[in-house]
Amino acid sequence: MTAPGDKGAAYAELLEELLPSLRRAPDETSLYERVVERLHCLPHFDWTGIYVLAEPDTLVLGPYRGAPTEHLRIPVGRGICGQSAERDETVLVADVAASGNYLACSLDTRSEIVVPIRVRGAYRAQIDVDSHTIAAFDEEDRRALEELALAMGNRLGEL
């Protein structure tokens, strides 16, 4: 068991447990469910979900954990999730109140990270995580989530 506040060790433990199970996921939805369920256990993850690029210009909410959201569909370019899809890059926002293009899923959200999941180089989906703490996410979160997203994309490419 990792010590409280040891984010690096928590991610190492999570990835060690989660990566082998991704290789056994029978389909895309099962893969997303496993990831969301396990990620949401991290202490600074208050809302955890997957948005899938279902149309060229629209993200559609897939599996998630946390409070219900009205944002079931997000246009590419709109909000933090839409920016990630438009730019095809990770977007980390320390204080969502300071972002001019933020879609409020919850009034409690203070920071957010969105990480692309690519399949054979093409943007397919994203890991979206919100926290009720300002500046909850840092480069350690980025590295771990990008490693996970890469593994997810590789597995999706096999399905």
N, C-alpha and C. Protein backbone atom coordinates (compact mmCIF):
# COMPACT_ATOMS: atom_id res chain seq x y z
N MET A 1 0.85 -1.19 0.00
CA MET A 1 0.00 0.00 0.00
C MET A 1 0.89 1.24 0.00
N THR A 2 0.56 2.22 -0.80
CA THR A 2 1.37 3.42 -0.89
C THR A 2 1.07 4.38 0.25
N ALA A 3 2.07 5.17 0.58
CA ALA A 3 1.91 6.17 1.64
C ALA A 3 1.03 7.31 1.13
N PRO A 4 0.22 7.91 2.01
CA PRO A 4 -0.60 9.05 1.59
C PRO A 4 0.27 10.16 1.03
N GLY A 5 -0.16 10.72 -0.09
CA GLY A 5 0.57 11.83 -0.69
C GLY A 5 1.69 11.40 -1.62
N ASP A 6 1.96 10.10 -1.74
CA ASP A 6 3.01 9.62 -2.63
C ASP A 6 2.39 9.29 -3.99
N LYS A 7 2.21 10.34 -4.78
CA LYS A 7 1.52 10.21 -6.06
C LYS A 7 2.27 9.28 -7.02
N GLY A 8 3.59 9.38 -7.06
CA GLY A 8 4.37 8.55 -7.96
C GLY A 8 4.19 7.08 -7.67
N ALA A 9 4.23 6.72 -6.39
CA ALA A 9 4.04 5.32 -6.00
C ALA A 9 2.62 4.87 -6.29
N ALA A 10 1.65 5.74 -6.09
CA ALA A 10 0.25 5.40 -6.37
C ALA A 10 0.07 5.10 -7.86
N TYR A 11 0.68 5.91 -8.72
CA TYR A 11 0.58 5.66 -10.16
C TYR A 11 1.30 4.38 -10.55
N ALA A 12 2.47 4.15 -9.98
CA ALA A 12 3.22 2.93 -10.30
C ALA A 12 2.39 1.70 -9.95
N GLU A 13 1.77 1.73 -8.78
CA GLU A 13 0.91 0.62 -8.34
C GLU A 13 -0.29 0.47 -9.27
N LEU A 14 -0.92 1.58 -9.60
CA LEU A 14 -2.08 1.56 -10.48
C LEU A 14 -1.72 0.99 -11.85
N LEU A 15 -0.63 1.47 -12.44
CA LEU A 15 -0.25 1.01 -13.77
C LEU A 15 0.16 -0.47 -13.76
N GLU A 16 0.84 -0.88 -12.70
CA GLU A 16 1.23 -2.29 -12.58
C GLU A 16 0.01 -3.20 -12.55
N GLU A 17 -1.03 -2.74 -11.89
CA GLU A 17 -2.26 -3.51 -11.81
C GLU A 17 -3.10 -3.41 -13.08
N LEU A 18 -3.19 -2.22 -13.63
CA LEU A 18 -4.14 -1.95 -14.72
C LEU A 18 -3.64 -2.38 -16.09
N LEU A 19 -2.38 -2.17 -16.39
CA LEU A 19 -1.89 -2.45 -17.74
C LEU A 19 -2.10 -3.90 -18.18
N PRO A 20 -1.81 -4.90 -17.34
CA PRO A 20 -2.08 -6.28 -17.78
C PRO A 20 -3.57 -6.55 -18.02
N SER A 21 -4.44 -5.92 -17.24
CA SER A 21 -5.88 -6.16 -17.44
C SER A 21 -6.38 -5.54 -18.74
N LEU A 22 -5.71 -4.49 -19.23
CA LEU A 22 -6.11 -3.89 -20.50
C LEU A 22 -5.91 -4.88 -21.64
N ARG A 23 -4.86 -5.67 -21.53
CA ARG A 23 -4.58 -6.65 -22.59
C ARG A 23 -5.66 -7.73 -22.66
N ARG A 24 -6.44 -7.86 -21.59
CA ARG A 24 -7.52 -8.86 -21.57
C ARG A 24 -8.90 -8.26 -21.88
N ALA A 25 -8.96 -6.95 -22.05
CA ALA A 25 -10.26 -6.30 -22.31
C ALA A 25 -10.81 -6.82 -23.64
N PRO A 26 -12.05 -7.33 -23.64
CA PRO A 26 -12.60 -7.92 -24.86
C PRO A 26 -13.11 -6.90 -25.88
N ASP A 27 -13.38 -5.68 -25.42
CA ASP A 27 -13.91 -4.67 -26.33
C ASP A 27 -13.60 -3.27 -25.79
N GLU A 28 -13.91 -2.28 -26.60
CA GLU A 28 -13.59 -0.88 -26.27
C GLU A 28 -14.28 -0.42 -24.99
N THR A 29 -15.56 -0.71 -24.85
CA THR A 29 -16.30 -0.26 -23.67
C THR A 29 -15.75 -0.89 -22.40
N SER A 30 -15.44 -2.17 -22.45
CA SER A 30 -14.87 -2.85 -21.27
C SER A 30 -13.54 -2.23 -20.88
N LEU A 31 -12.73 -1.92 -21.87
CA LEU A 31 -11.44 -1.27 -21.60
C LEU A 31 -11.65 0.06 -20.89
N TYR A 32 -12.55 0.88 -21.41
CA TYR A 32 -12.82 2.19 -20.80
C TYR A 32 -13.36 2.03 -19.38
N GLU A 33 -14.25 1.07 -19.18
CA GLU A 33 -14.82 0.84 -17.85
C GLU A 33 -13.73 0.50 -16.84
N ARG A 34 -12.83 -0.40 -17.21
CA ARG A 34 -11.74 -0.79 -16.30
C ARG A 34 -10.88 0.41 -15.91
N VAL A 35 -10.54 1.20 -16.89
CA VAL A 35 -9.68 2.35 -16.63
C VAL A 35 -10.37 3.37 -15.73
N VAL A 36 -11.58 3.72 -16.06
CA VAL A 36 -12.31 4.72 -15.27
C VAL A 36 -12.51 4.25 -13.83
N GLU A 37 -12.90 3.01 -13.68
CA GLU A 37 -13.13 2.47 -12.34
C GLU A 37 -11.87 2.55 -11.49
N ARG A 38 -10.75 2.17 -12.08
CA ARG A 38 -9.50 2.14 -11.31
C ARG A 38 -8.95 3.55 -11.08
N LEU A 39 -8.98 4.41 -12.08
CA LEU A 39 -8.46 5.77 -11.91
C LEU A 39 -9.25 6.55 -10.86
N HIS A 40 -10.54 6.33 -10.85
CA HIS A 40 -11.39 7.12 -9.95
C HIS A 40 -11.08 6.86 -8.47
N CYS A 41 -10.32 5.82 -8.19
CA CYS A 41 -9.92 5.52 -6.81
C CYS A 41 -8.80 6.44 -6.31
N LEU A 42 -8.14 7.15 -7.22
CA LEU A 42 -7.07 8.05 -6.79
C LEU A 42 -7.68 9.22 -6.01
N PRO A 43 -7.01 9.64 -4.94
CA PRO A 43 -7.63 10.61 -4.03
C PRO A 43 -7.93 11.98 -4.65
N HIS A 44 -7.19 12.42 -5.64
CA HIS A 44 -7.44 13.74 -6.22
C HIS A 44 -8.30 13.68 -7.48
N PHE A 45 -8.91 12.53 -7.76
CA PHE A 45 -9.78 12.36 -8.92
C PHE A 45 -11.23 12.39 -8.45
N ASP A 46 -11.89 13.53 -8.63
CA ASP A 46 -13.27 13.67 -8.17
C ASP A 46 -14.29 13.35 -9.27
N TRP A 47 -13.90 13.45 -10.52
CA TRP A 47 -14.74 13.05 -11.65
C TRP A 47 -13.79 12.47 -12.69
N THR A 48 -14.09 11.27 -13.16
CA THR A 48 -13.21 10.57 -14.09
C THR A 48 -14.05 9.99 -15.20
N GLY A 49 -13.71 10.31 -16.44
CA GLY A 49 -14.50 9.79 -17.54
C GLY A 49 -13.73 9.67 -18.84
N ILE A 50 -14.38 9.07 -19.80
CA ILE A 50 -13.85 8.92 -21.15
C ILE A 50 -14.83 9.58 -22.10
N TYR A 51 -14.31 10.48 -22.93
CA TYR A 51 -15.08 11.02 -24.04
C TYR A 51 -14.52 10.41 -25.31
N VAL A 52 -15.41 9.96 -26.19
CA VAL A 52 -15.01 9.30 -27.42
C VAL A 52 -15.33 10.23 -28.60
N LEU A 53 -14.39 10.34 -29.52
CA LEU A 53 -14.62 11.12 -30.73
C LEU A 53 -15.48 10.28 -31.65
N ALA A 54 -16.80 10.41 -31.50
CA ALA A 54 -17.75 9.57 -32.21
C ALA A 54 -18.06 10.10 -33.60
N GLU A 55 -17.89 11.38 -33.79
CA GLU A 55 -18.09 12.03 -35.07
C GLU A 55 -16.88 12.94 -35.27
N PRO A 56 -16.60 13.40 -36.47
CA PRO A 56 -15.41 14.23 -36.67
C PRO A 56 -15.39 15.51 -35.82
N ASP A 57 -16.56 15.96 -35.41
CA ASP A 57 -16.59 17.23 -34.69
C ASP A 57 -17.28 17.16 -33.33
N THR A 58 -17.49 15.95 -32.79
CA THR A 58 -18.22 15.81 -31.53
C THR A 58 -17.65 14.71 -30.66
N LEU A 59 -17.44 15.04 -29.39
CA LEU A 59 -17.05 14.08 -28.37
C LEU A 59 -18.31 13.59 -27.67
N VAL A 60 -18.39 12.29 -27.40
CA VAL A 60 -19.55 11.71 -26.74
C VAL A 60 -19.08 11.04 -25.46
N LEU A 61 -19.79 11.31 -24.37
CA LEU A 61 -19.42 10.75 -23.07
C LEU A 61 -19.60 9.25 -23.06
N GLY A 62 -18.54 8.57 -22.61
CA GLY A 62 -18.58 7.13 -22.41
C GLY A 62 -18.66 6.84 -20.91
N PRO A 63 -18.03 5.77 -20.46
CA PRO A 63 -18.05 5.45 -19.04
C PRO A 63 -17.44 6.57 -18.19
N TYR A 64 -18.02 6.78 -17.02
CA TYR A 64 -17.48 7.78 -16.10
C TYR A 64 -17.86 7.42 -14.68
N ARG A 65 -17.16 8.05 -13.75
CA ARG A 65 -17.47 7.96 -12.32
C ARG A 65 -17.46 9.38 -11.77
N GLY A 66 -18.41 9.64 -10.90
CA GLY A 66 -18.53 10.97 -10.31
C GLY A 66 -19.94 11.47 -10.49
N ALA A 67 -20.13 12.73 -10.18
CA ALA A 67 -21.46 13.34 -10.29
C ALA A 67 -21.94 13.34 -11.73
N PRO A 68 -23.24 13.17 -11.95
CA PRO A 68 -23.78 13.24 -13.31
C PRO A 68 -23.46 14.58 -13.95
N THR A 69 -23.31 14.56 -15.27
CA THR A 69 -23.02 15.78 -16.02
C THR A 69 -24.02 15.95 -17.15
N GLU A 70 -24.31 17.18 -17.48
CA GLU A 70 -25.18 17.46 -18.61
C GLU A 70 -24.41 17.45 -19.92
N HIS A 71 -23.08 17.39 -19.83
CA HIS A 71 -22.24 17.45 -21.04
C HIS A 71 -22.02 16.04 -21.60
N LEU A 72 -23.07 15.53 -22.24
CA LEU A 72 -23.01 14.21 -22.84
C LEU A 72 -22.36 14.25 -24.23
N ARG A 73 -22.43 15.40 -24.86
CA ARG A 73 -21.82 15.64 -26.18
C ARG A 73 -21.12 16.99 -26.11
N ILE A 74 -19.88 17.02 -26.58
CA ILE A 74 -19.10 18.26 -26.56
C ILE A 74 -18.54 18.51 -27.96
N PRO A 75 -18.80 19.67 -28.52
CA PRO A 75 -18.22 19.99 -29.83
C PRO A 75 -16.69 20.12 -29.72
N VAL A 76 -16.00 19.61 -30.72
CA VAL A 76 -14.55 19.76 -30.77
C VAL A 76 -14.24 21.26 -30.76
N GLY A 77 -13.29 21.65 -29.92
CA GLY A 77 -12.91 23.06 -29.78
C GLY A 77 -13.55 23.74 -28.58
N ARG A 78 -14.62 23.16 -28.04
CA ARG A 78 -15.35 23.78 -26.94
C ARG A 78 -14.94 23.17 -25.60
N GLY A 79 -14.62 23.99 -24.64
CA GLY A 79 -14.22 23.52 -23.33
C GLY A 79 -12.84 22.88 -23.36
N ILE A 80 -12.40 22.40 -22.22
CA ILE A 80 -11.07 21.79 -22.10
C ILE A 80 -11.02 20.51 -22.92
N CYS A 81 -12.08 19.69 -22.85
CA CYS A 81 -12.13 18.45 -23.63
C CYS A 81 -12.08 18.74 -25.12
N GLY A 82 -12.87 19.70 -25.56
CA GLY A 82 -12.89 20.06 -26.97
C GLY A 82 -11.57 20.62 -27.46
N GLN A 83 -10.87 21.36 -26.58
CA GLN A 83 -9.55 21.89 -26.93
C GLN A 83 -8.54 20.77 -27.12
N SER A 84 -8.60 19.77 -26.24
CA SER A 84 -7.69 18.64 -26.36
C SER A 84 -7.89 17.94 -27.70
N ALA A 85 -9.14 17.71 -28.07
CA ALA A 85 -9.43 17.04 -29.34
C ALA A 85 -8.99 17.90 -30.53
N GLU A 86 -9.25 19.18 -30.46
CA GLU A 86 -8.89 20.09 -31.55
C GLU A 86 -7.38 20.18 -31.74
N ARG A 87 -6.65 20.25 -30.63
CA ARG A 87 -5.19 20.39 -30.68
C ARG A 87 -4.46 19.06 -30.75
N ASP A 88 -5.19 17.96 -30.46
CA ASP A 88 -4.59 16.63 -30.38
C ASP A 88 -3.43 16.61 -29.39
N GLU A 89 -3.71 17.12 -28.18
CA GLU A 89 -2.68 17.16 -27.13
C GLU A 89 -3.31 17.14 -25.75
N THR A 90 -2.49 16.81 -24.77
CA THR A 90 -2.91 16.87 -23.38
C THR A 90 -3.12 18.32 -22.99
N VAL A 91 -4.20 18.56 -22.25
CA VAL A 91 -4.47 19.90 -21.72
C VAL A 91 -4.60 19.78 -20.21
N LEU A 92 -3.80 20.54 -19.50
CA LEU A 92 -3.81 20.55 -18.05
C LEU A 92 -4.14 21.96 -17.59
N VAL A 93 -5.20 22.10 -16.81
CA VAL A 93 -5.65 23.41 -16.36
C VAL A 93 -5.63 23.43 -14.83
N ALA A 94 -4.76 24.26 -14.27
CA ALA A 94 -4.60 24.33 -12.82
C ALA A 94 -5.80 24.97 -12.13
N ASP A 95 -6.42 25.96 -12.80
CA ASP A 95 -7.57 26.67 -12.22
C ASP A 95 -8.59 26.92 -13.32
N VAL A 96 -9.65 26.12 -13.34
CA VAL A 96 -10.64 26.23 -14.41
C VAL A 96 -11.34 27.59 -14.41
N ALA A 97 -11.39 28.25 -13.26
CA ALA A 97 -12.03 29.58 -13.19
C ALA A 97 -11.27 30.61 -14.03
N ALA A 98 -9.99 30.35 -14.25
CA ALA A 98 -9.18 31.28 -15.04
C ALA A 98 -9.21 30.96 -16.53
N SER A 99 -9.87 29.86 -16.91
CA SER A 99 -9.95 29.46 -18.30
C SER A 99 -11.18 30.07 -18.95
N GLY A 100 -11.00 30.74 -20.05
CA GLY A 100 -12.11 31.38 -20.75
C GLY A 100 -12.97 30.42 -21.53
N ASN A 101 -12.49 29.22 -21.77
CA ASN A 101 -13.21 28.25 -22.59
C ASN A 101 -13.54 27.00 -21.78
N TYR A 102 -14.02 27.18 -20.57
CA TYR A 102 -14.30 26.05 -19.69
C TYR A 102 -15.79 25.75 -19.67
N LEU A 103 -16.15 24.47 -19.83
CA LEU A 103 -17.54 24.02 -19.69
C LEU A 103 -17.69 23.45 -18.28
N ALA A 104 -18.45 24.07 -17.45
CA ALA A 104 -18.60 23.63 -16.06
C ALA A 104 -19.47 22.39 -15.96
N CYS A 105 -18.83 21.27 -15.65
CA CYS A 105 -19.59 20.04 -15.40
C CYS A 105 -20.10 20.04 -13.96
N SER A 106 -19.33 20.68 -13.09
CA SER A 106 -19.69 20.77 -11.69
C SER A 106 -19.16 22.08 -11.13
N LEU A 107 -19.93 22.71 -10.27
CA LEU A 107 -19.47 23.95 -9.64
C LEU A 107 -18.31 23.70 -8.68
N ASP A 108 -18.11 22.43 -8.29
CA ASP A 108 -17.03 22.08 -7.38
C ASP A 108 -15.69 21.90 -8.09
N THR A 109 -15.70 21.74 -9.41
CA THR A 109 -14.46 21.49 -10.15
C THR A 109 -13.56 22.72 -10.09
N ARG A 110 -12.28 22.46 -9.77
CA ARG A 110 -11.29 23.54 -9.68
C ARG A 110 -10.14 23.35 -10.66
N SER A 111 -9.82 22.08 -11.00
CA SER A 111 -8.75 21.82 -11.96
C SER A 111 -9.11 20.61 -12.80
N GLU A 112 -8.45 20.50 -13.97
CA GLU A 112 -8.81 19.44 -14.91
C GLU A 112 -7.59 19.05 -15.74
N ILE A 113 -7.55 17.77 -16.12
CA ILE A 113 -6.56 17.29 -17.07
C ILE A 113 -7.29 16.40 -18.08
N VAL A 114 -6.94 16.59 -19.35
CA VAL A 114 -7.53 15.81 -20.43
C VAL A 114 -6.38 15.26 -21.27
N VAL A 115 -6.39 13.93 -21.45
CA VAL A 115 -5.29 13.24 -22.14
C VAL A 115 -5.84 12.47 -23.33
N PRO A 116 -5.29 12.70 -24.52
CA PRO A 116 -5.74 11.99 -25.72
C PRO A 116 -5.42 10.50 -25.68
N ILE A 117 -6.31 9.72 -26.24
CA ILE A 117 -6.09 8.30 -26.50
C ILE A 117 -6.07 8.18 -28.02
N ARG A 118 -4.92 7.78 -28.55
CA ARG A 118 -4.77 7.67 -30.00
C ARG A 118 -4.69 6.20 -30.41
N VAL A 119 -5.33 5.89 -31.52
CA VAL A 119 -5.27 4.56 -32.10
C VAL A 119 -4.62 4.69 -33.47
N ARG A 120 -3.46 4.05 -33.60
CA ARG A 120 -2.68 4.13 -34.85
C ARG A 120 -2.44 5.59 -35.25
N GLY A 121 -2.18 6.43 -34.27
CA GLY A 121 -1.85 7.83 -34.50
C GLY A 121 -3.04 8.77 -34.61
N ALA A 122 -4.26 8.24 -34.65
CA ALA A 122 -5.45 9.08 -34.80
C ALA A 122 -6.15 9.27 -33.45
N TYR A 123 -6.57 10.49 -33.19
CA TYR A 123 -7.29 10.83 -31.95
C TYR A 123 -8.58 10.03 -31.90
N ARG A 124 -8.75 9.17 -30.88
CA ARG A 124 -9.93 8.30 -30.79
C ARG A 124 -10.83 8.67 -29.62
N ALA A 125 -10.19 9.04 -28.48
CA ALA A 125 -10.94 9.31 -27.26
C ALA A 125 -10.03 10.11 -26.33
N GLN A 126 -10.52 10.32 -25.10
CA GLN A 126 -9.71 11.04 -24.13
C GLN A 126 -10.08 10.63 -22.71
N ILE A 127 -9.08 10.70 -21.86
CA ILE A 127 -9.29 10.54 -20.42
C ILE A 127 -9.50 11.95 -19.90
N ASP A 128 -10.60 12.16 -19.20
CA ASP A 128 -10.93 13.47 -18.64
C ASP A 128 -11.05 13.32 -17.13
N VAL A 129 -10.26 14.09 -16.39
CA VAL A 129 -10.30 14.01 -14.93
C VAL A 129 -10.46 15.42 -14.36
N ASP A 130 -11.41 15.55 -13.44
CA ASP A 130 -11.64 16.81 -12.73
C ASP A 130 -11.30 16.61 -11.26
N SER A 131 -10.87 17.69 -10.64
CA SER A 131 -10.60 17.67 -9.20
C SER A 131 -11.26 18.88 -8.55
N HIS A 132 -11.63 18.72 -7.30
CA HIS A 132 -12.20 19.83 -6.53
C HIS A 132 -11.10 20.68 -5.90
N THR A 133 -9.85 20.37 -6.21
CA THR A 133 -8.69 21.08 -5.66
C THR A 133 -8.00 21.87 -6.77
N ILE A 134 -7.68 23.11 -6.52
CA ILE A 134 -6.91 23.90 -7.48
C ILE A 134 -5.52 23.29 -7.61
N ALA A 135 -5.03 23.22 -8.84
CA ALA A 135 -3.69 22.71 -9.16
C ALA A 135 -3.48 21.29 -8.65
N ALA A 136 -4.50 20.46 -8.77
CA ALA A 136 -4.40 19.07 -8.31
C ALA A 136 -3.51 18.23 -9.22
N PHE A 137 -3.36 18.64 -10.47
CA PHE A 137 -2.63 17.85 -11.45
C PHE A 137 -1.32 18.52 -11.83
N ASP A 138 -0.30 17.69 -12.06
CA ASP A 138 1.01 18.21 -12.40
C ASP A 138 1.65 17.31 -13.46
N GLU A 139 2.95 17.49 -13.68
CA GLU A 139 3.65 16.71 -14.71
C GLU A 139 3.66 15.22 -14.38
N GLU A 140 3.63 14.87 -13.11
CA GLU A 140 3.58 13.46 -12.73
C GLU A 140 2.26 12.83 -13.19
N ASP A 141 1.16 13.57 -13.02
CA ASP A 141 -0.14 13.11 -13.52
C ASP A 141 -0.10 12.98 -15.04
N ARG A 142 0.44 13.99 -15.68
CA ARG A 142 0.53 13.99 -17.15
C ARG A 142 1.29 12.76 -17.64
N ARG A 143 2.45 12.52 -17.10
CA ARG A 143 3.27 11.39 -17.55
C ARG A 143 2.54 10.05 -17.35
N ALA A 144 1.97 9.86 -16.18
CA ALA A 144 1.29 8.59 -15.88
C ALA A 144 0.05 8.40 -16.76
N LEU A 145 -0.74 9.44 -16.91
CA LEU A 145 -1.95 9.32 -17.72
C LEU A 145 -1.62 9.17 -19.20
N GLU A 146 -0.56 9.82 -19.67
CA GLU A 146 -0.16 9.64 -21.06
C GLU A 146 0.36 8.22 -21.30
N GLU A 147 1.06 7.65 -20.32
CA GLU A 147 1.51 6.26 -20.44
C GLU A 147 0.31 5.32 -20.52
N LEU A 148 -0.67 5.57 -19.66
CA LEU A 148 -1.88 4.76 -19.68
C LEU A 148 -2.63 4.92 -21.00
N ALA A 149 -2.77 6.16 -21.48
CA ALA A 149 -3.48 6.41 -22.74
C ALA A 149 -2.78 5.71 -23.91
N LEU A 150 -1.46 5.69 -23.90
CA LEU A 150 -0.71 4.99 -24.94
C LEU A 150 -1.03 3.50 -24.92
N ALA A 151 -1.04 2.91 -23.74
CA ALA A 151 -1.37 1.48 -23.61
C ALA A 151 -2.80 1.21 -24.05
N MET A 152 -3.71 2.12 -23.71
CA MET A 152 -5.10 1.97 -24.12
C MET A 152 -5.20 2.01 -25.65
N GLY A 153 -4.54 2.98 -26.25
CA GLY A 153 -4.57 3.10 -27.72
C GLY A 153 -3.99 1.89 -28.41
N ASN A 154 -2.90 1.36 -27.84
CA ASN A 154 -2.30 0.15 -28.42
C ASN A 154 -3.28 -1.01 -28.37
N ARG A 155 -3.95 -1.17 -27.23
CA ARG A 155 -4.92 -2.27 -27.11
C ARG A 155 -6.10 -2.06 -28.05
N LEU A 156 -6.59 -0.84 -28.13
CA LEU A 156 -7.71 -0.57 -29.03
C LEU A 156 -7.34 -0.87 -30.48
N GLY A 157 -6.09 -0.65 -30.82
CA GLY A 157 -5.62 -0.96 -32.18
C GLY A 157 -5.64 -2.44 -32.48
N GLU A 158 -5.63 -3.27 -31.44
CA GLU A 158 -5.66 -4.73 -31.59
C GLU A 158 -7.08 -5.28 -31.68
N LEU A 159 -8.05 -4.51 -31.19
CA LEU A 159 -9.44 -5.01 -31.12
C LEU A 159 -10.13 -4.93 -32.48
